[in-house]
């Protein structure tokens, strides 16, 4: 690798399959062999490190082998020699696991340029077939774009809280109240990433001398986000019957709200480097990362576990939607990765920030990227949401420290 130019580092969560795996493949291809002027020239691209964050080493190793096989026919050997595939083990539902993974990332990398907050879960229980028939009969394309017939688990929590506080690690635990329990979808889809980003914040700051090269955090949202599913009094979606959609609506407000004056104080507090990190990068001489949001349109993945025949029927339905003119049915994860990767590599920072972008396909034009309307009242909720997120994070940090968990 080129020793004169620091490598570009991209961290991708949930990268062993589905969209995360496709983002890894696509950013490598676009980084070294850009197709348009929206991307940097390959000759100036330097070296690239892709770090796959997965729940197990085995999943990461399998993904790395598959990526190498994919690249064998897509990338010349000269470019492949400038690529490094790495991995880190992490469970985003567990702040304990996140702290350990973040410590490892800080040791490895002085700078992380892109973070793709992609990993997600859907607390799927079953399909309401009566509701499915009604929605399909009323609007076929809408039913296969924003389905309302997925029955999800209500009140599902992670087991991290009980594991931590059912285990005695000394008398210090009694000196501070325990942190709040975490909703399963909220933890995996939003809070785990939020906690991780703060733990590696020193690597996401850019020297003030290079404002054109800010680190970017690309949150993967969803076309299914809907303000009806979100309650500001229950940001974790524990009481919600649609916790997945609630978590994605929260993501919209969190990211887009980071640019609003009302949330500025909380965002500054969250992104400021202090304590241990201050000796690494003085906060007055650096710039925090950009928060950006994209969604993959509608793609075929296994995020919801359904029988094979239902999966086949779903794919047929997706192709019919596309045939009848739906721009959002990208179907293939590699196509769905278009918007997230574009947000990472595009030089048009002033254009992309503060807006939500989606991967799309239009007959005759192929793959395109479309701005996506956000129905939530971001301005009304941003400051309070950021305040609540910071409160939960700080309580968990104090809770882990009181348990003498390694930081």
Protein backbone atom coordinates (compact mmCIF):
# COMPACT_ATOMS: atom_id res chain seq x y z
CA UNK A 1 0.00 0.00 0.00
CA UNK A 2 1.05 3.65 -0.61
CA UNK A 3 2.96 4.73 2.46
CA UNK A 4 2.88 8.43 1.46
CA UNK A 5 -0.89 8.83 1.51
CA UNK A 6 -2.96 7.79 4.54
CA UNK A 7 -5.57 5.18 3.65
CA UNK A 8 -9.25 5.95 3.39
CA UNK A 9 -11.16 3.93 6.01
CA UNK A 10 -14.82 2.90 5.75
CA UNK A 11 -16.65 1.13 8.58
CA UNK A 12 -19.83 -0.76 7.67
CA UNK A 13 -22.16 -2.33 10.22
CA UNK A 14 -24.20 -5.40 9.37
CA UNK A 15 -21.79 -6.00 6.50
CA UNK A 16 -21.91 -9.79 6.25
CA UNK A 17 -25.05 -9.95 4.09
CA UNK A 18 -27.80 -7.99 2.39
CA UNK A 19 -27.40 -4.25 2.00
CA UNK A 20 -24.29 -3.98 4.19
CA UNK A 21 -22.45 -6.53 2.05
CA UNK A 22 -23.62 -4.70 -1.10
CA UNK A 23 -22.40 -1.36 0.28
CA UNK A 24 -18.97 -2.92 0.84
CA UNK A 25 -18.82 -4.22 -2.73
CA UNK A 26 -20.16 -1.04 -4.26
CA UNK A 27 -17.95 1.44 -2.43
CA UNK A 28 -14.89 -0.55 -3.48
CA UNK A 29 -15.95 -0.52 -7.14
CA UNK A 30 -16.92 3.17 -7.13
CA UNK A 31 -13.83 4.19 -5.16
CA UNK A 32 -11.39 2.66 -7.63
CA UNK A 33 -13.36 2.78 -10.89
CA UNK A 34 -15.79 5.72 -10.68
CA UNK A 35 -18.36 5.87 -13.46
CA UNK A 36 -19.25 9.58 -13.29
CA UNK A 37 -17.87 12.94 -12.26
CA UNK A 38 -19.73 12.55 -8.97
CA UNK A 39 -16.85 10.45 -7.66
CA UNK A 40 -13.10 11.10 -7.20
CA UNK A 41 -10.71 10.10 -9.95
CA UNK A 42 -9.36 6.59 -9.53
CA UNK A 43 -5.78 7.79 -9.96
CA UNK A 44 -6.17 9.98 -6.87
CA UNK A 45 -8.08 7.45 -4.80
CA UNK A 46 -5.11 6.11 -2.84
CA UNK A 47 -5.66 3.05 -0.68
CA UNK A 48 -8.90 1.86 0.88
CA UNK A 49 -9.61 -0.10 4.07
CA UNK A 50 -13.06 -1.63 4.44
CA UNK A 51 -13.82 -2.71 8.00
CA UNK A 52 -16.80 -5.04 8.29
CA UNK A 53 -18.59 -4.89 11.65
CA UNK A 54 -20.37 -8.19 12.27
CA UNK A 55 -21.61 -10.24 15.19
CA UNK A 56 -19.09 -13.03 14.67
CA UNK A 57 -15.67 -13.60 13.16
CA UNK A 58 -17.04 -16.45 11.05
CA UNK A 59 -19.61 -14.18 9.39
CA UNK A 60 -16.95 -11.57 8.65
CA UNK A 61 -14.53 -14.11 7.19
CA UNK A 62 -17.26 -15.55 4.97
CA UNK A 63 -18.19 -12.06 3.77
CA UNK A 64 -14.55 -11.19 3.04
CA UNK A 65 -14.14 -14.37 0.99
CA UNK A 66 -17.29 -13.51 -0.99
CA UNK A 67 -16.15 -9.92 -1.57
CA UNK A 68 -12.80 -11.13 -2.88
CA UNK A 69 -14.57 -13.53 -5.24
CA UNK A 70 -16.84 -10.71 -6.44
CA UNK A 71 -13.91 -8.37 -7.05
CA UNK A 72 -11.89 -10.93 -8.98
CA UNK A 73 -13.86 -10.09 -12.13
CA UNK A 74 -14.68 -6.46 -11.34
CA UNK A 75 -11.41 -4.93 -10.20
CA UNK A 76 -7.94 -5.13 -11.81
CA UNK A 77 -5.10 -6.52 -9.71
CA UNK A 78 -3.48 -3.08 -9.44
CA UNK A 79 -6.53 -1.71 -7.64
CA UNK A 80 -7.01 -4.85 -5.55
CA UNK A 81 -3.48 -4.40 -4.21
CA UNK A 82 -4.58 -1.06 -2.76
CA UNK A 83 -7.49 -2.61 -0.87
CA UNK A 84 -7.55 -4.08 2.62
CA UNK A 85 -10.53 -5.97 4.02
CA UNK A 86 -10.71 -6.02 7.82
CA UNK A 87 -13.34 -6.84 10.41
CA UNK A 88 -14.38 -6.09 13.97
CA UNK A 89 -16.81 -8.09 16.10
CA UNK A 90 -19.67 -6.09 17.53
CA UNK A 91 -23.22 -6.56 18.82
CA UNK A 92 -25.05 -3.26 18.38
CA UNK A 93 -27.70 -4.34 20.86
CA UNK A 94 -25.08 -4.33 23.61
CA UNK A 95 -23.29 -1.17 24.81
CA UNK A 96 -20.77 -3.49 26.48
CA UNK A 97 -19.86 -5.03 23.13
CA UNK A 98 -19.79 -1.60 21.50
CA UNK A 99 -17.30 -0.24 24.05
CA UNK A 100 -14.93 -3.15 23.38
CA UNK A 101 -15.24 -2.81 19.60
CA UNK A 102 -14.73 0.95 19.75
CA UNK A 103 -11.54 0.51 21.77
CA UNK A 104 -10.24 -1.83 19.07
CA UNK A 105 -11.15 0.62 16.30
CA UNK A 106 -9.40 3.49 18.06
CA UNK A 107 -6.24 1.40 18.31
CA UNK A 108 -6.30 0.52 14.62
CA UNK A 109 -7.30 3.76 12.94
CA UNK A 110 -6.30 7.38 13.51
CA UNK A 111 -9.06 8.41 11.13
CA UNK A 112 -12.28 6.83 9.91
CA UNK A 113 -13.63 8.63 6.86
CA UNK A 114 -16.98 6.89 6.34
CA UNK A 115 -19.30 5.06 8.70
CA UNK A 116 -22.32 3.29 7.23
CA UNK A 117 -24.89 2.81 10.00
CA UNK A 118 -26.60 -0.03 8.20
CA UNK A 119 -27.27 -2.92 10.61
CA UNK A 120 -30.93 -3.30 11.53
CA UNK A 121 -33.47 -5.77 12.83
CA UNK A 122 -37.21 -6.13 12.32
CA UNK A 123 -38.95 -7.74 15.33
CA UNK A 124 -41.11 -9.73 12.93
CA UNK A 125 -43.72 -12.14 14.28
CA UNK A 126 -46.06 -13.00 11.42
CA UNK A 127 -48.10 -11.66 8.50
CA UNK A 128 -51.68 -10.52 8.99
CA UNK A 129 -53.07 -12.14 5.86
CA UNK A 130 -56.44 -10.38 6.06
CA UNK A 131 -54.77 -6.98 6.18
CA UNK A 132 -52.35 -8.07 3.45
CA UNK A 133 -55.22 -9.03 1.13
CA UNK A 134 -56.97 -5.71 1.78
CA UNK A 135 -53.86 -3.62 1.14
CA UNK A 136 -52.88 -5.60 -1.95
CA UNK A 137 -56.38 -5.25 -3.38
CA UNK A 138 -56.50 -1.52 -2.67
CA UNK A 139 -53.04 -0.51 -3.93
CA UNK A 140 -50.72 -3.29 -5.06
CA UNK A 141 -47.60 -1.16 -5.40
CA UNK A 142 -48.13 0.62 -2.08
CA UNK A 143 -48.67 -2.74 -0.39
CA UNK A 144 -45.25 -3.90 -1.58
CA UNK A 145 -43.58 -0.58 -0.82
CA UNK A 146 -44.91 0.30 2.64
CA UNK A 147 -46.55 -2.91 3.93
CA UNK A 148 -48.73 -2.49 6.99
CA UNK A 149 -49.46 -6.17 7.45
CA UNK A 150 -46.20 -7.15 9.21
CA UNK A 151 -47.07 -8.03 12.80
CA UNK A 152 -44.15 -7.07 15.02
CA UNK A 153 -43.29 -7.82 18.62
CA UNK A 154 -44.41 -5.18 21.11
CA UNK A 155 -42.25 -4.43 24.13
CA UNK A 156 -39.25 -6.50 23.05
CA UNK A 157 -36.13 -5.52 24.99
CA UNK A 158 -32.46 -6.40 24.75
CA UNK A 159 -30.96 -8.66 27.41
CA UNK A 160 -27.92 -6.45 28.01
CA UNK A 161 -29.44 -4.59 30.95
CA UNK A 162 -30.39 -7.74 32.86
CA UNK A 163 -27.01 -9.37 32.18
CA UNK A 164 -25.15 -6.33 33.45
CA UNK A 165 -27.21 -5.65 36.55
CA UNK A 166 -27.84 -9.23 37.56
CA UNK A 167 -24.08 -9.67 37.81
CA UNK A 168 -22.35 -8.16 40.81
CA UNK A 169 -19.17 -6.33 39.89
CA UNK A 170 -18.66 -4.60 43.21
CA UNK A 171 -20.35 -2.09 45.46
CA UNK A 172 -19.91 0.79 43.02
CA UNK A 173 -22.99 -0.37 41.09
CA UNK A 174 -25.26 0.83 43.90
CA UNK A 175 -23.86 4.38 43.80
CA UNK A 176 -25.70 5.34 40.62
CA UNK A 177 -29.11 4.37 39.24
CA UNK A 178 -29.06 1.78 36.46
CA UNK A 179 -29.42 3.03 32.86
CA UNK A 180 -32.75 2.50 31.10
CA UNK A 181 -33.55 -0.80 29.45
CA UNK A 182 -33.30 -0.72 25.67
CA UNK A 183 -35.98 -1.59 23.15
CA UNK A 184 -34.71 -4.29 20.78
CA UNK A 185 -35.32 -2.43 17.51
CA UNK A 186 -34.25 0.92 18.98
CA UNK A 187 -30.95 -0.53 20.25
CA UNK A 188 -29.95 -2.40 17.09
CA UNK A 189 -31.21 0.14 14.55
CA UNK A 190 -30.39 3.47 16.20
CA UNK A 191 -28.90 3.63 19.68
CA UNK A 192 -26.13 1.09 19.08
CA UNK A 193 -24.82 3.17 16.20
CA UNK A 194 -25.29 6.38 18.18
CA UNK A 195 -23.28 4.99 21.09
CA UNK A 196 -20.58 3.61 18.78
CA UNK A 197 -20.11 6.91 16.97
CA UNK A 198 -19.49 8.78 20.21
CA UNK A 199 -17.02 6.13 21.37
CA UNK A 200 -14.96 6.56 18.18
CA UNK A 201 -15.60 10.31 17.78
CA UNK A 202 -11.90 11.17 17.91
CA UNK A 203 -11.39 9.18 14.68
CA UNK A 204 -14.26 11.01 12.97
CA UNK A 205 -12.95 14.52 13.48
CA UNK A 206 -11.25 16.23 10.55
CA UNK A 207 -8.40 18.73 10.97
CA UNK A 208 -9.66 22.27 10.53
CA UNK A 209 -7.09 22.68 7.76
CA UNK A 210 -9.02 20.16 5.61
CA UNK A 211 -12.68 21.27 5.73
CA UNK A 212 -13.27 19.82 2.27
CA UNK A 213 -12.55 16.30 3.53
CA UNK A 214 -14.99 15.88 6.42
CA UNK A 215 -15.78 12.43 7.72
CA UNK A 216 -19.28 11.31 6.83
CA UNK A 217 -21.70 9.20 8.82
CA UNK A 218 -24.24 7.67 6.45
CA UNK A 219 -27.31 6.49 8.31
CA UNK A 220 -29.37 3.96 6.37
CA UNK A 221 -32.98 4.98 6.69
CA UNK A 222 -36.06 3.45 5.12
CA UNK A 223 -38.81 4.36 2.71
CA UNK A 224 -41.13 2.85 5.34
CA UNK A 225 -40.51 5.55 7.95
CA UNK A 226 -43.81 7.17 8.94
CA UNK A 227 -44.56 9.76 11.64
CA UNK A 228 -47.70 7.82 12.55
CA UNK A 229 -45.46 5.05 13.93
CA UNK A 230 -43.37 7.40 16.08
CA UNK A 231 -44.17 8.81 19.51
CA UNK A 232 -41.82 11.42 21.01
CA UNK A 233 -42.93 10.16 24.45
CA UNK A 234 -41.71 6.67 23.53
CA UNK A 235 -38.65 7.20 21.33
CA UNK A 236 -37.54 3.61 21.86
CA UNK A 237 -40.78 2.34 20.32
CA UNK A 238 -41.29 -0.09 23.22
CA UNK A 239 -45.05 0.48 23.16
CA UNK A 240 -45.26 0.73 19.39
CA UNK A 241 -46.87 -1.95 17.24
CA UNK A 242 -44.42 -0.93 14.50
CA UNK A 243 -41.07 -0.57 16.29
CA UNK A 244 -39.01 -0.97 13.10
CA UNK A 245 -40.79 1.88 11.33
CA UNK A 246 -40.62 3.92 14.55
CA UNK A 247 -36.84 3.46 14.70
CA UNK A 248 -36.45 4.56 11.08
CA UNK A 249 -38.62 7.63 11.65
CA UNK A 250 -36.45 8.44 14.66
CA UNK A 251 -33.41 8.14 12.40
CA UNK A 252 -34.87 10.71 9.99
CA UNK A 253 -35.42 13.20 12.81
CA UNK A 254 -32.04 12.51 14.42
CA UNK A 255 -30.02 13.03 11.23
CA UNK A 256 -31.95 15.89 9.64
CA UNK A 257 -32.40 17.56 13.03
CA UNK A 258 -28.63 17.66 13.56
CA UNK A 259 -28.53 20.68 11.22
CA UNK A 260 -31.24 22.67 13.03
CA UNK A 261 -30.52 25.45 15.54
CA UNK A 262 -32.71 23.86 18.22
CA UNK A 263 -30.57 20.71 18.38
CA UNK A 264 -27.22 22.42 17.81
CA UNK A 265 -26.24 22.47 21.49
CA UNK A 266 -26.90 18.74 21.89
CA UNK A 267 -25.12 17.88 18.64
CA UNK A 268 -22.11 19.96 19.68
CA UNK A 269 -22.00 18.25 23.08
CA UNK A 270 -22.28 14.83 21.44
CA UNK A 271 -19.54 15.43 18.88
CA UNK A 272 -17.08 17.43 21.02
CA UNK A 273 -13.86 15.61 21.81
CA UNK A 274 -12.95 15.80 25.49
CA UNK A 275 -11.15 13.86 28.21
CA UNK A 276 -9.11 10.97 26.84
CA UNK A 277 -9.64 12.10 23.26
CA UNK A 278 -8.63 15.74 23.71
CA UNK A 279 -4.94 14.85 23.78
CA UNK A 280 -5.35 13.15 20.40
CA UNK A 281 -7.22 15.84 18.46
CA UNK A 282 -7.75 19.29 20.02
CA UNK A 283 -11.47 20.10 19.59
CA UNK A 284 -10.68 23.70 18.55
CA UNK A 285 -8.55 22.42 15.66
CA UNK A 286 -10.96 19.87 14.23
CA UNK A 287 -14.40 19.58 12.66
CA UNK A 288 -17.00 16.92 13.60
CA UNK A 289 -18.44 14.54 11.00
CA UNK A 290 -21.41 15.18 8.76
CA UNK A 291 -24.60 13.23 9.45
CA UNK A 292 -26.25 12.09 6.21
CA UNK A 293 -29.18 9.81 5.48
CA UNK A 294 -30.07 7.53 2.58
CA UNK A 295 -32.38 4.61 1.97
CA UNK A 296 -32.01 1.68 -0.45
CA UNK A 297 -35.48 1.80 -1.92
CA UNK A 298 -37.06 -1.66 -1.85
CA UNK A 299 -34.59 -4.53 -2.08
CA UNK A 300 -34.80 -8.26 -1.58
CA UNK A 301 -32.96 -9.37 1.58
CA UNK A 302 -33.45 -11.78 4.45
CA UNK A 303 -33.90 -9.11 7.14
CA UNK A 304 -37.36 -10.63 7.67
CA UNK A 305 -37.27 -14.42 7.93
CA UNK A 306 -40.15 -15.87 5.89
CA UNK A 307 -40.72 -19.27 4.21
CA UNK A 308 -39.16 -19.79 0.80
CA UNK A 309 -42.46 -19.67 -1.05
CA UNK A 310 -43.32 -16.31 0.52
CA UNK A 311 -39.88 -15.01 -0.45
CA UNK A 312 -40.46 -16.13 -4.05
CA UNK A 313 -43.90 -14.49 -4.13
CA UNK A 314 -42.42 -11.29 -2.69
CA UNK A 315 -39.76 -11.15 -5.42
CA UNK A 316 -42.35 -11.70 -8.15
CA UNK A 317 -44.37 -8.87 -6.63
CA UNK A 318 -41.32 -6.60 -6.59
CA UNK A 319 -40.69 -7.21 -10.28
CA UNK A 320 -44.35 -6.48 -11.08
CA UNK A 321 -44.12 -3.20 -9.17
CA UNK A 322 -41.05 -2.27 -11.15
CA UNK A 323 -42.74 -3.24 -14.42
CA UNK A 324 -45.69 -1.00 -13.56
CA UNK A 325 -43.44 2.00 -13.01
CA UNK A 326 -42.42 2.02 -9.36
CA UNK A 327 -39.05 3.82 -9.12
CA UNK A 328 -38.30 2.44 -5.67
CA UNK A 329 -38.16 -1.29 -6.38
CA UNK A 330 -34.40 -1.65 -6.88
CA UNK A 331 -34.69 -5.35 -5.90
CA UNK A 332 -30.94 -6.05 -5.97
CA UNK A 333 -28.98 -4.97 -2.85
CA UNK A 334 -26.11 -3.72 -5.06
CA UNK A 335 -28.52 -1.30 -6.73
CA UNK A 336 -29.96 -0.35 -3.34
CA UNK A 337 -26.44 0.55 -2.20
CA UNK A 338 -26.26 3.32 -4.80
CA UNK A 339 -27.55 6.19 -2.63
CA UNK A 340 -25.55 5.36 0.54
CA UNK A 341 -22.31 5.04 -1.43
CA UNK A 342 -23.03 8.22 -3.39
CA UNK A 343 -23.48 10.13 -0.12
CA UNK A 344 -20.08 8.89 1.01
CA UNK A 345 -18.13 9.69 -2.15
CA UNK A 346 -19.93 12.63 -3.74
CA UNK A 347 -18.05 15.95 -3.63
CA UNK A 348 -21.34 17.88 -3.60
CA UNK A 349 -21.50 18.30 0.18
CA UNK A 350 -23.69 21.41 0.18
CA UNK A 351 -26.21 19.61 -2.01
CA UNK A 352 -26.48 16.34 -0.12
CA UNK A 353 -26.53 17.43 3.53
CA UNK A 354 -29.78 18.09 5.34
CA UNK A 355 -31.85 16.03 2.90
CA UNK A 356 -32.85 12.39 2.56
CA UNK A 357 -31.83 10.48 -0.54
CA UNK A 358 -32.99 7.17 -1.95
CA UNK A 359 -31.79 4.59 -4.47
CA UNK A 360 -34.18 4.23 -7.38
CA UNK A 361 -34.53 2.72 -10.87
CA UNK A 362 -36.37 4.25 -13.82
CA UNK A 363 -36.90 2.47 -17.12
CA UNK A 364 -34.75 4.06 -19.76
CA UNK A 365 -32.54 5.84 -17.22
CA UNK A 366 -31.31 2.90 -15.15
CA UNK A 367 -30.10 3.55 -11.63
CA UNK A 368 -30.73 7.02 -10.25
CA UNK A 369 -30.83 8.76 -6.88
CA UNK A 370 -33.94 10.65 -5.81
CA UNK A 371 -34.56 13.01 -2.95
CA UNK A 372 -37.17 11.54 -0.64
CA UNK A 373 -39.78 13.59 1.19
CA UNK A 374 -39.74 13.29 4.98
CA UNK A 375 -43.23 13.64 6.46
CA UNK A 376 -42.09 13.97 10.09
CA UNK A 377 -42.03 17.41 11.69
CA UNK A 378 -38.30 17.39 12.22
CA UNK A 379 -38.11 20.95 13.56
CA UNK A 380 -40.73 20.25 16.23
CA UNK A 381 -39.03 17.14 17.61
CA UNK A 382 -35.30 17.49 16.89
CA UNK A 383 -34.17 19.30 20.05
CA UNK A 384 -36.14 17.07 22.42
CA UNK A 385 -35.11 13.90 20.62
CA UNK A 386 -31.43 14.81 20.71
CA UNK A 387 -31.75 15.67 24.40
CA UNK A 388 -33.31 12.29 25.14
CA UNK A 389 -30.73 10.40 23.09
CA UNK A 390 -27.91 12.14 24.95
CA UNK A 391 -29.55 11.40 28.29
CA UNK A 392 -29.79 7.67 27.50
CA UNK A 393 -26.21 7.56 26.25
CA UNK A 394 -24.80 9.36 29.28
CA UNK A 395 -26.74 7.15 31.70
CA UNK A 396 -25.40 4.04 29.99
CA UNK A 397 -21.86 5.39 30.05
CA UNK A 398 -22.13 6.12 33.79
CA UNK A 399 -23.70 2.70 34.33
CA UNK A 400 -20.87 0.90 32.56
CA UNK A 401 -18.24 2.92 34.41
CA UNK A 402 -19.91 2.17 37.74
CA UNK A 403 -19.62 -1.50 36.90
CA UNK A 404 -15.91 -0.90 36.25
CA UNK A 405 -16.36 -2.02 32.66
CA UNK A 406 -13.26 -1.28 30.59
CA UNK A 407 -13.62 1.93 28.55
